[in-house]
Amino acid sequence: MKYSYPAVISYDFGDKVYYVDFPDMKNCFADGLTLREALDNAEDVLNLMLLDAETQGIAVPEASDMDSMNLHAGEIAALITADTELYSRIAV
C-alpha cells in the first residue's frame, strides 16, 4: 500500500541533530546528523510502522493535510512517502 504523511522537521543546535516527528503517527520519530539522513530515516521508520500496522490488522490514521500543519519557529514540513508492499520485499 502507498501512503504519504506530513512530518515536522527541526534542528537541535545543542545535539547537532535533525529531528523528524509525524504528528499523525503516535510514537513515530526519526533523526539524523544531516537533513538527508533524517529524511531517509523518517521514510524507513514510517514504512516500518505502517507495515507493522498492516500485518497486525491495526487501522492506520488518516494523514493530515499539509496546510493544517502548525509549525513553530525553525520547523519545516515535509511530505514523507511510504510503499509498504515494496518495503516488505526489500527490507532486511
PDB file of N, CA and C in Angstrom:
ATOM      1  N   MET A   1       0.836  -1.166   0.000  1.00  0.00           N
ATOM      2  CA  MET A   1       0.000   0.000   0.000  1.00  0.00           C
ATOM      3  C   MET A   1       0.894   1.247   0.000  1.00  0.00           C
ATOM      4  N   LYS A   2       0.433   2.291  -0.640  1.00  0.00           N
ATOM      5  CA  LYS A   2       1.194   3.535  -0.699  1.00  0.00           C
ATOM      6  C   LYS A   2       0.546   4.574   0.214  1.00  0.00           C
ATOM      7  N   TYR A   3       1.401   5.315   0.915  1.00  0.00           N
ATOM      8  CA  TYR A   3       0.961   6.331   1.867  1.00  0.00           C
ATOM      9  C   TYR A   3       1.827   7.574   1.722  1.00  0.00           C
ATOM     10  N   SER A   4       1.290   8.693   2.188  1.00  0.00           N
ATOM     11  CA  SER A   4       2.057   9.933   2.335  1.00  0.00           C
ATOM     12  C   SER A   4       1.603  10.599   3.620  1.00  0.00           C
ATOM     13  N   TYR A   5       2.560  10.921   4.474  1.00  0.00           N
ATOM     14  CA  TYR A   5       2.265  11.567   5.749  1.00  0.00           C
ATOM     15  C   TYR A   5       3.123  12.812   5.916  1.00  0.00           C
ATOM     16  N   PRO A   6       2.521  13.878   6.437  1.00  0.00           N
ATOM     17  CA  PRO A   6       3.325  15.064   6.724  1.00  0.00           C
ATOM     18  C   PRO A   6       4.209  14.837   7.940  1.00  0.00           C
ATOM     19  N   ALA A   7       5.360  15.451   7.907  1.00  0.00           N
ATOM     20  CA  ALA A   7       6.313  15.356   9.010  1.00  0.00           C
ATOM     21  C   ALA A   7       6.805  16.757   9.349  1.00  0.00           C
ATOM     22  N   VAL A   8       7.137  16.947  10.616  1.00  0.00           N
ATOM     23  CA  VAL A   8       7.714  18.197  11.083  1.00  0.00           C
ATOM     24  C   VAL A   8       9.198  17.954  11.340  1.00  0.00           C
ATOM     25  N   ILE A   9      10.026  18.788  10.738  1.00  0.00           N
ATOM     26  CA  ILE A   9      11.476  18.638  10.857  1.00  0.00           C
ATOM     27  C   ILE A   9      12.036  19.845  11.603  1.00  0.00           C
ATOM     28  N   SER A  10      12.891  19.555  12.566  1.00  0.00           N
ATOM     29  CA  SER A  10      13.545  20.623  13.318  1.00  0.00           C
ATOM     30  C   SER A  10      15.018  20.262  13.504  1.00  0.00           C
ATOM     31  N   TYR A  11      15.809  21.282  13.765  1.00  0.00           N
ATOM     32  CA  TYR A  11      17.231  21.067  14.009  1.00  0.00           C
ATOM     33  C   TYR A  11      17.544  21.491  15.432  1.00  0.00           C
ATOM     34  N   ASP A  12      18.227  20.625  16.163  1.00  0.00           N
ATOM     35  CA  ASP A  12      18.634  20.931  17.533  1.00  0.00           C
ATOM     36  C   ASP A  12      20.104  21.322  17.507  1.00  0.00           C
ATOM     37  N   PHE A  13      20.370  22.596  17.765  1.00  0.00           N
ATOM     38  CA  PHE A  13      21.745  23.096  17.713  1.00  0.00           C
ATOM     39  C   PHE A  13      22.606  22.526  18.836  1.00  0.00           C
ATOM     40  N   GLY A  14      21.997  22.177  19.960  1.00  0.00           N
ATOM     41  CA  GLY A  14      22.749  21.577  21.057  1.00  0.00           C
ATOM     42  C   GLY A  14      23.193  20.159  20.734  1.00  0.00           C
ATOM     43  N   ASP A  15      22.247  19.360  20.229  1.00  0.00           N
ATOM     44  CA  ASP A  15      22.545  17.967  19.866  1.00  0.00           C
ATOM     45  C   ASP A  15      23.194  17.850  18.491  1.00  0.00           C
ATOM     46  N   LYS A  16      23.049  18.899  17.674  1.00  0.00           N
ATOM     47  CA  LYS A  16      23.531  18.906  16.289  1.00  0.00           C
ATOM     48  C   LYS A  16      22.904  17.761  15.498  1.00  0.00           C
ATOM     49  N   VAL A  17      21.576  17.662  15.640  1.00  0.00           N
ATOM     50  CA  VAL A  17      20.813  16.588  15.015  1.00  0.00           C
ATOM     51  C   VAL A  17      19.506  17.147  14.458  1.00  0.00           C
ATOM     52  N   TYR A  18      19.098  16.618  13.320  1.00  0.00           N
ATOM     53  CA  TYR A  18      17.780  16.913  12.773  1.00  0.00           C
ATOM     54  C   TYR A  18      16.798  15.903  13.367  1.00  0.00           C
ATOM     55  N   TYR A  19      15.656  16.389  13.810  1.00  0.00           N
ATOM     56  CA  TYR A  19      14.599  15.529  14.347  1.00  0.00           C
ATOM     57  C   TYR A  19      13.385  15.586  13.439  1.00  0.00           C
ATOM     58  N   VAL A  20      12.745  14.434  13.245  1.00  0.00           N
ATOM     59  CA  VAL A  20      11.552  14.339  12.416  1.00  0.00           C
ATOM     60  C   VAL A  20      10.440  13.720  13.254  1.00  0.00           C
ATOM     61  N   ASP A  21       9.293  14.374  13.245  1.00  0.00           N
ATOM     62  CA  ASP A  21       8.125  13.915  14.007  1.00  0.00           C
ATOM     63  C   ASP A  21       6.946  13.806  13.055  1.00  0.00           C
ATOM     64  N   PHE A  22       6.196  12.716  13.177  1.00  0.00           N
ATOM     65  CA  PHE A  22       4.976  12.523  12.393  1.00  0.00           C
ATOM     66  C   PHE A  22       3.781  12.806  13.304  1.00  0.00           C
ATOM     67  N   PRO A  23       3.158  13.983  13.188  1.00  0.00           N
ATOM     68  CA  PRO A  23       2.045  14.327  14.076  1.00  0.00           C
ATOM     69  C   PRO A  23       0.869  13.341  14.026  1.00  0.00           C
ATOM     70  N   ASP A  24       0.660  12.691  12.884  1.00  0.00           N
ATOM     71  CA  ASP A  24      -0.468  11.766  12.739  1.00  0.00           C
ATOM     72  C   ASP A  24      -0.171  10.360  13.243  1.00  0.00           C
ATOM     73  N   MET A  25       1.096  10.052  13.445  1.00  0.00           N
ATOM     74  CA  MET A  25       1.502   8.707  13.837  1.00  0.00           C
ATOM     75  C   MET A  25       2.056   8.733  15.255  1.00  0.00           C
ATOM     76  N   LYS A  26       1.367   8.089  16.164  1.00  0.00           N
ATOM     77  CA  LYS A  26       1.809   8.054  17.556  1.00  0.00           C
ATOM     78  C   LYS A  26       3.140   7.297  17.662  1.00  0.00           C
ATOM     79  N   ASN A  27       4.078   7.873  18.382  1.00  0.00           N
ATOM     80  CA  ASN A  27       5.392   7.259  18.634  1.00  0.00           C
ATOM     81  C   ASN A  27       6.175   6.948  17.357  1.00  0.00           C
ATOM     82  N   CYS A  28       6.075   7.815  16.388  1.00  0.00           N
ATOM     83  CA  CYS A  28       6.803   7.636  15.132  1.00  0.00           C
ATOM     84  C   CYS A  28       7.729   8.832  14.954  1.00  0.00           C
ATOM     85  N   PHE A  29       9.019   8.615  15.198  1.00  0.00           N
ATOM     86  CA  PHE A  29      10.025   9.665  15.171  1.00  0.00           C
ATOM     87  C   PHE A  29      11.264   9.159  14.438  1.00  0.00           C
ATOM     88  N   ALA A  30      12.063  10.093  13.970  1.00  0.00           N
ATOM     89  CA  ALA A  30      13.346   9.747  13.350  1.00  0.00           C
ATOM     90  C   ALA A  30      14.303  10.902  13.593  1.00  0.00           C
ATOM     91  N   ASP A  31      15.578  10.647  13.336  1.00  0.00           N
ATOM     92  CA  ASP A  31      16.573  11.709  13.440  1.00  0.00           C
ATOM     93  C   ASP A  31      17.714  11.401  12.495  1.00  0.00           C
ATOM     94  N   GLY A  32      18.636  12.342  12.390  1.00  0.00           N
ATOM     95  CA  GLY A  32      19.808  12.150  11.546  1.00  0.00           C
ATOM     96  C   GLY A  32      20.770  13.296  11.712  1.00  0.00           C
ATOM     97  N   LEU A  33      22.041  13.013  11.466  1.00  0.00           N
ATOM     98  CA  LEU A  33      23.072  14.039  11.580  1.00  0.00           C
ATOM     99  C   LEU A  33      23.000  15.053  10.442  1.00  0.00           C
ATOM    100  N   THR A  34      22.456  14.633   9.302  1.00  0.00           N
ATOM    101  CA  THR A  34      22.229  15.531   8.176  1.00  0.00           C
ATOM    102  C   THR A  34      20.744  15.502   7.843  1.00  0.00           C
ATOM    103  N   LEU A  35      20.292  16.500   7.104  1.00  0.00           N
ATOM    104  CA  LEU A  35      18.889  16.524   6.706  1.00  0.00           C
ATOM    105  C   LEU A  35      18.557  15.309   5.843  1.00  0.00           C
ATOM    106  N   ARG A  36      19.440  14.963   4.935  1.00  0.00           N
ATOM    107  CA  ARG A  36      19.215  13.796   4.068  1.00  0.00           C
ATOM    108  C   ARG A  36      19.086  12.516   4.898  1.00  0.00           C
ATOM    109  N   GLU A  37      19.974  12.345   5.874  1.00  0.00           N
ATOM    110  CA  GLU A  37      19.927  11.164   6.735  1.00  0.00           C
ATOM    111  C   GLU A  37      18.623  11.140   7.538  1.00  0.00           C
ATOM    112  N   ALA A  38      18.205  12.277   8.040  1.00  0.00           N
ATOM    113  CA  ALA A  38      16.963  12.347   8.811  1.00  0.00           C
ATOM    114  C   ALA A  38      15.759  11.986   7.935  1.00  0.00           C
ATOM    115  N   LEU A  39      15.730  12.477   6.704  1.00  0.00           N
ATOM    116  CA  LEU A  39      14.621  12.161   5.790  1.00  0.00           C
ATOM    117  C   LEU A  39      14.627  10.684   5.402  1.00  0.00           C
ATOM    118  N   ASP A  40      15.807  10.130   5.152  1.00  0.00           N
ATOM    119  CA  ASP A  40      15.904   8.699   4.840  1.00  0.00           C
ATOM    120  C   ASP A  40      15.426   7.856   6.021  1.00  0.00           C
ATOM    121  N   ASN A  41      15.852   8.233   7.225  1.00  0.00           N
ATOM    122  CA  ASN A  41      15.426   7.505   8.425  1.00  0.00           C
ATOM    123  C   ASN A  41      13.930   7.654   8.658  1.00  0.00           C
ATOM    124  N   ALA A  42      13.386   8.827   8.349  1.00  0.00           N
ATOM    125  CA  ALA A  42      11.941   9.061   8.503  1.00  0.00           C
ATOM    126  C   ALA A  42      11.156   8.156   7.564  1.00  0.00           C
ATOM    127  N   GLU A  43      11.619   8.034   6.335  1.00  0.00           N
ATOM    128  CA  GLU A  43      10.951   7.153   5.377  1.00  0.00           C
ATOM    129  C   GLU A  43      11.004   5.706   5.857  1.00  0.00           C
ATOM    130  N   ASP A  44      12.151   5.314   6.375  1.00  0.00           N
ATOM    131  CA  ASP A  44      12.327   3.951   6.872  1.00  0.00           C
ATOM    132  C   ASP A  44      11.389   3.660   8.048  1.00  0.00           C
ATOM    133  N   VAL A  45      11.361   4.545   9.038  1.00  0.00           N
ATOM    134  CA  VAL A  45      10.529   4.305  10.220  1.00  0.00           C
ATOM    135  C   VAL A  45       9.040   4.363   9.864  1.00  0.00           C
ATOM    136  N   LEU A  46       8.669   5.241   8.939  1.00  0.00           N
ATOM    137  CA  LEU A  46       7.267   5.302   8.518  1.00  0.00           C
ATOM    138  C   LEU A  46       6.856   3.989   7.853  1.00  0.00           C
ATOM    139  N   ASN A  47       7.705   3.469   6.978  1.00  0.00           N
ATOM    140  CA  ASN A  47       7.423   2.179   6.345  1.00  0.00           C
ATOM    141  C   ASN A  47       7.293   1.071   7.388  1.00  0.00           C
ATOM    142  N   LEU A  48       8.195   1.046   8.352  1.00  0.00           N
ATOM    143  CA  LEU A  48       8.152   0.020   9.397  1.00  0.00           C
ATOM    144  C   LEU A  48       6.868   0.093  10.220  1.00  0.00           C
ATOM    145  N   MET A  49       6.495   1.301  10.620  1.00  0.00           N
ATOM    146  CA  MET A  49       5.282   1.481  11.440  1.00  0.00           C
ATOM    147  C   MET A  49       4.026   1.061  10.656  1.00  0.00           C
ATOM    148  N   LEU A  50       3.947   1.486   9.416  1.00  0.00           N
ATOM    149  CA  LEU A  50       2.763   1.164   8.606  1.00  0.00           C
ATOM    150  C   LEU A  50       2.708  -0.316   8.248  1.00  0.00           C
ATOM    151  N   LEU A  51       3.847  -0.906   7.922  1.00  0.00           N
ATOM    152  CA  LEU A  51       3.888  -2.336   7.611  1.00  0.00           C
ATOM    153  C   LEU A  51       3.492  -3.157   8.828  1.00  0.00           C
ATOM    154  N   ASP A  52       3.962  -2.764   9.998  1.00  0.00           N
ATOM    155  CA  ASP A  52       3.594  -3.447  11.234  1.00  0.00           C
ATOM    156  C   ASP A  52       2.087  -3.341  11.477  1.00  0.00           C
ATOM    157  N   ALA A  53       1.531  -2.155  11.279  1.00  0.00           N
ATOM    158  CA  ALA A  53       0.086  -1.971  11.458  1.00  0.00           C
ATOM    159  C   ALA A  53      -0.693  -2.840  10.480  1.00  0.00           C
ATOM    160  N   GLU A  54      -0.274  -2.878   9.227  1.00  0.00           N
ATOM    161  CA  GLU A  54      -0.952  -3.716   8.231  1.00  0.00           C
ATOM    162  C   GLU A  54      -0.886  -5.186   8.625  1.00  0.00           C
ATOM    163  N   THR A  55       0.284  -5.642   9.040  1.00  0.00           N
ATOM    164  CA  THR A  55       0.491  -7.042   9.408  1.00  0.00           C
ATOM    165  C   THR A  55      -0.386  -7.443  10.587  1.00  0.00           C
ATOM    166  N   GLN A  56      -0.543  -6.524  11.546  1.00  0.00           N
ATOM    167  CA  GLN A  56      -1.337  -6.815  12.745  1.00  0.00           C
ATOM    168  C   GLN A  56      -2.817  -6.466  12.581  1.00  0.00           C
ATOM    169  N   GLY A  57      -3.192  -5.927  11.428  1.00  0.00           N
ATOM    170  CA  GLY A  57      -4.585  -5.561  11.189  1.00  0.00           C
ATOM    171  C   GLY A  57      -5.036  -4.333  11.964  1.00  0.00           C
ATOM    172  N   ILE A  58      -4.087  -3.469  12.295  1.00  0.00           N
ATOM    173  CA  ILE A  58      -4.391  -2.243  13.035  1.00  0.00           C
ATOM    174  C   ILE A  58      -4.660  -1.125  12.026  1.00  0.00           C
ATOM    175  N   ALA A  59      -5.728  -0.392  12.253  1.00  0.00           N
ATOM    176  CA  ALA A  59      -6.064   0.725  11.365  1.00  0.00           C
ATOM    177  C   ALA A  59      -5.006   1.809  11.484  1.00  0.00           C
ATOM    178  N   VAL A  60      -4.645   2.393  10.363  1.00  0.00           N
ATOM    179  CA  VAL A  60      -3.682   3.492  10.373  1.00  0.00           C
ATOM    180  C   VAL A  60      -4.448   4.813  10.325  1.00  0.00           C
ATOM    181  N   PRO A  61      -3.921   5.828  10.989  1.00  0.00           N
ATOM    182  CA  PRO A  61      -4.623   7.111  10.993  1.00  0.00           C
ATOM    183  C   PRO A  61      -4.603   7.777   9.623  1.00  0.00           C
ATOM    184  N   GLU A  62      -5.597   8.588   9.384  1.00  0.00           N
ATOM    185  CA  GLU A  62      -5.645   9.355   8.148  1.00  0.00           C
ATOM    186  C   GLU A  62      -4.589  10.451   8.210  1.00  0.00           C
ATOM    187  N   ALA A  63      -3.958  10.701   7.105  1.00  0.00           N
ATOM    188  CA  ALA A  63      -2.916  11.734   7.049  1.00  0.00           C
ATOM    189  C   ALA A  63      -3.544  13.118   7.052  1.00  0.00           C
ATOM    190  N   SER A  64      -2.950  14.004   7.827  1.00  0.00           N
ATOM    191  CA  SER A  64      -3.389  15.399   7.858  1.00  0.00           C
ATOM    192  C   SER A  64      -3.030  16.087   6.550  1.00  0.00           C
ATOM    193  N   ASP A  65      -3.717  17.155   6.284  1.00  0.00           N
ATOM    194  CA  ASP A  65      -3.414  17.996   5.141  1.00  0.00           C
ATOM    195  C   ASP A  65      -2.202  18.858   5.481  1.00  0.00           C
ATOM    196  N   MET A  66      -1.294  19.025   4.549  1.00  0.00           N
ATOM    197  CA  MET A  66      -0.095  19.830   4.792  1.00  0.00           C
ATOM    198  C   MET A  66      -0.450  21.260   5.203  1.00  0.00           C
ATOM    199  N   ASP A  67      -1.549  21.781   4.698  1.00  0.00           N
ATOM    200  CA  ASP A  67      -1.951  23.155   5.020  1.00  0.00           C
ATOM    201  C   ASP A  67      -2.378  23.316   6.474  1.00  0.00           C
ATOM    202  N   SER A  68      -2.690  22.211   7.142  1.00  0.00           N
ATOM    203  CA  SER A  68      -3.141  22.297   8.531  1.00  0.00           C
ATOM    204  C   SER A  68      -1.999  22.158   9.535  1.00  0.00           C
ATOM    205  N   MET A  69      -0.778  22.043   9.029  1.00  0.00           N
ATOM    206  CA  MET A  69       0.378  21.875   9.907  1.00  0.00           C
ATOM    207  C   MET A  69       0.583  23.146  10.741  1.00  0.00           C
ATOM    208  N   ASN A  70       0.779  22.959  12.044  1.00  0.00           N
ATOM    209  CA  ASN A  70       1.035  24.067  12.959  1.00  0.00           C
ATOM    210  C   ASN A  70       2.528  24.057  13.287  1.00  0.00           C
ATOM    211  N   LEU A  71       3.287  24.852  12.549  1.00  0.00           N
ATOM    212  CA  LEU A  71       4.737  24.857  12.705  1.00  0.00           C
ATOM    213  C   LEU A  71       5.183  25.960  13.651  1.00  0.00           C
ATOM    214  N   HIS A  72       6.240  25.681  14.388  1.00  0.00           N
ATOM    215  CA  HIS A  72       6.860  26.667  15.267  1.00  0.00           C
ATOM    216  C   HIS A  72       8.099  27.229  14.575  1.00  0.00           C
ATOM    217  N   ALA A  73       8.659  28.270  15.133  1.00  0.00           N
ATOM    218  CA  ALA A  73       9.852  28.891  14.556  1.00  0.00           C
ATOM    219  C   ALA A  73      10.954  27.847  14.376  1.00  0.00           C
ATOM    220  N   GLY A  74      11.565  27.849  13.204  1.00  0.00           N
ATOM    221  CA  GLY A  74      12.662  26.932  12.927  1.00  0.00           C
ATOM    222  C   GLY A  74      12.241  25.566  12.418  1.00  0.00           C
ATOM    223  N   GLU A  75      10.948  25.289  12.376  1.00  0.00           N
ATOM    224  CA  GLU A  75      10.464  23.991  11.897  1.00  0.00           C
ATOM    225  C   GLU A  75      10.060  24.103  10.429  1.00  0.00           C
ATOM    226  N   ILE A  76      10.222  22.999   9.724  1.00  0.00           N
ATOM    227  CA  ILE A  76       9.746  22.903   8.350  1.00  0.00           C
ATOM    228  C   ILE A  76       8.898  21.643   8.227  1.00  0.00           C
ATOM    229  N   ALA A  77       8.031  21.635   7.236  1.00  0.00           N
ATOM    230  CA  ALA A  77       7.181  20.472   6.988  1.00  0.00           C
ATOM    231  C   ALA A  77       7.639  19.782   5.707  1.00  0.00           C
ATOM    232  N   ALA A  78       7.500  18.483   5.694  1.00  0.00           N
ATOM    233  CA  ALA A  78       7.814  17.693   4.508  1.00  0.00           C
ATOM    234  C   ALA A  78       6.809  16.567   4.405  1.00  0.00           C
ATOM    235  N   LEU A  79       6.539  16.154   3.196  1.00  0.00           N
ATOM    236  CA  LEU A  79       5.649  15.021   2.960  1.00  0.00           C
ATOM    237  C   LEU A  79       6.524  13.794   2.747  1.00  0.00           C
ATOM    238  N   ILE A  80       6.371  12.811   3.630  1.00  0.00           N
ATOM    239  CA  ILE A  80       7.165  11.578   3.559  1.00  0.00           C
ATOM    240  C   ILE A  80       6.281  10.476   2.993  1.00  0.00           C
ATOM    241  N   THR A  81       6.791   9.764   2.014  1.00  0.00           N
ATOM    242  CA  THR A  81       6.012   8.699   1.381  1.00  0.00           C
ATOM    243  C   THR A  81       6.499   7.328   1.829  1.00  0.00           C
ATOM    244  N   ALA A  82       5.578   6.396   1.781  1.00  0.00           N
ATOM    245  CA  ALA A  82       5.885   5.011   2.137  1.00  0.00           C
ATOM    246  C   ALA A  82       5.176   4.094   1.151  1.00  0.00           C
ATOM    247  N   ASP A  83       5.821   3.017   0.807  1.00  0.00           N
ATOM    248  CA  ASP A  83       5.241   1.975  -0.044  1.00  0.00           C
ATOM    249  C   ASP A  83       5.518   0.656   0.666  1.00  0.00           C
ATOM    250  N   THR A  84       4.562   0.216   1.479  1.00  0.00           N
ATOM    251  CA  THR A  84       4.794  -0.961   2.316  1.00  0.00           C
ATOM    252  C   THR A  84       4.936  -2.245   1.508  1.00  0.00           C
ATOM    253  N   GLU A  85       4.305  -2.304   0.357  1.00  0.00           N
ATOM    254  CA  GLU A  85       4.443  -3.501  -0.492  1.00  0.00           C
ATOM    255  C   GLU A  85       5.890  -3.631  -0.977  1.00  0.00           C
ATOM    256  N   LEU A  86       6.427  -2.547  -1.485  1.00  0.00           N
ATOM    257  CA  LEU A  86       7.812  -2.550  -1.941  1.00  0.00           C
ATOM    258  C   LEU A  86       8.758  -2.739  -0.758  1.00  0.00           C
ATOM    259  N   TYR A  87       8.511  -2.033   0.334  1.00  0.00           N
ATOM    260  CA  TYR A  87       9.367  -2.116   1.501  1.00  0.00           C
ATOM    261  C   TYR A  87       9.458  -3.539   2.065  1.00  0.00           C
ATOM    262  N   SER A  88       8.336  -4.251   2.057  1.00  0.00           N
ATOM    263  CA  SER A  88       8.328  -5.613   2.594  1.00  0.00           C
ATOM    264  C   SER A  88       9.190  -6.557   1.756  1.00  0.00           C
ATOM    265  N   ARG A  89       9.387  -6.212   0.496  1.00  0.00           N
ATOM    266  CA  ARG A  89      10.199  -7.052  -0.391  1.00  0.00           C
ATOM    267  C   ARG A  89      11.692  -6.726  -0.303  1.00  0.00           C
ATOM    268  N   ILE A  90      12.036  -5.469   0.071  1.00  0.00           N
ATOM    269  CA  ILE A  90      13.457  -5.099   0.052  1.00  0.00           C
ATOM    270  C   ILE A  90      14.052  -4.933   1.447  1.00  0.00           C
ATOM    271  N   ALA A  91      13.202  -4.873   2.473  1.00  0.00           N
ATOM    272  CA  ALA A  91      13.711  -4.666   3.843  1.00  0.00           C
ATOM    273  C   ALA A  91      14.506  -5.881   4.285  1.00  0.00           C
ATOM    274  N   VAL A  92      15.566  -5.591   4.994  1.00  0.00           N
ATOM    275  CA  VAL A  92      16.424  -6.671   5.502  1.00  0.00           C
ATOM    276  C   VAL A  92      15.904  -7.153   6.830  1.00  0.00           C
TER     277      VAL A  92
END
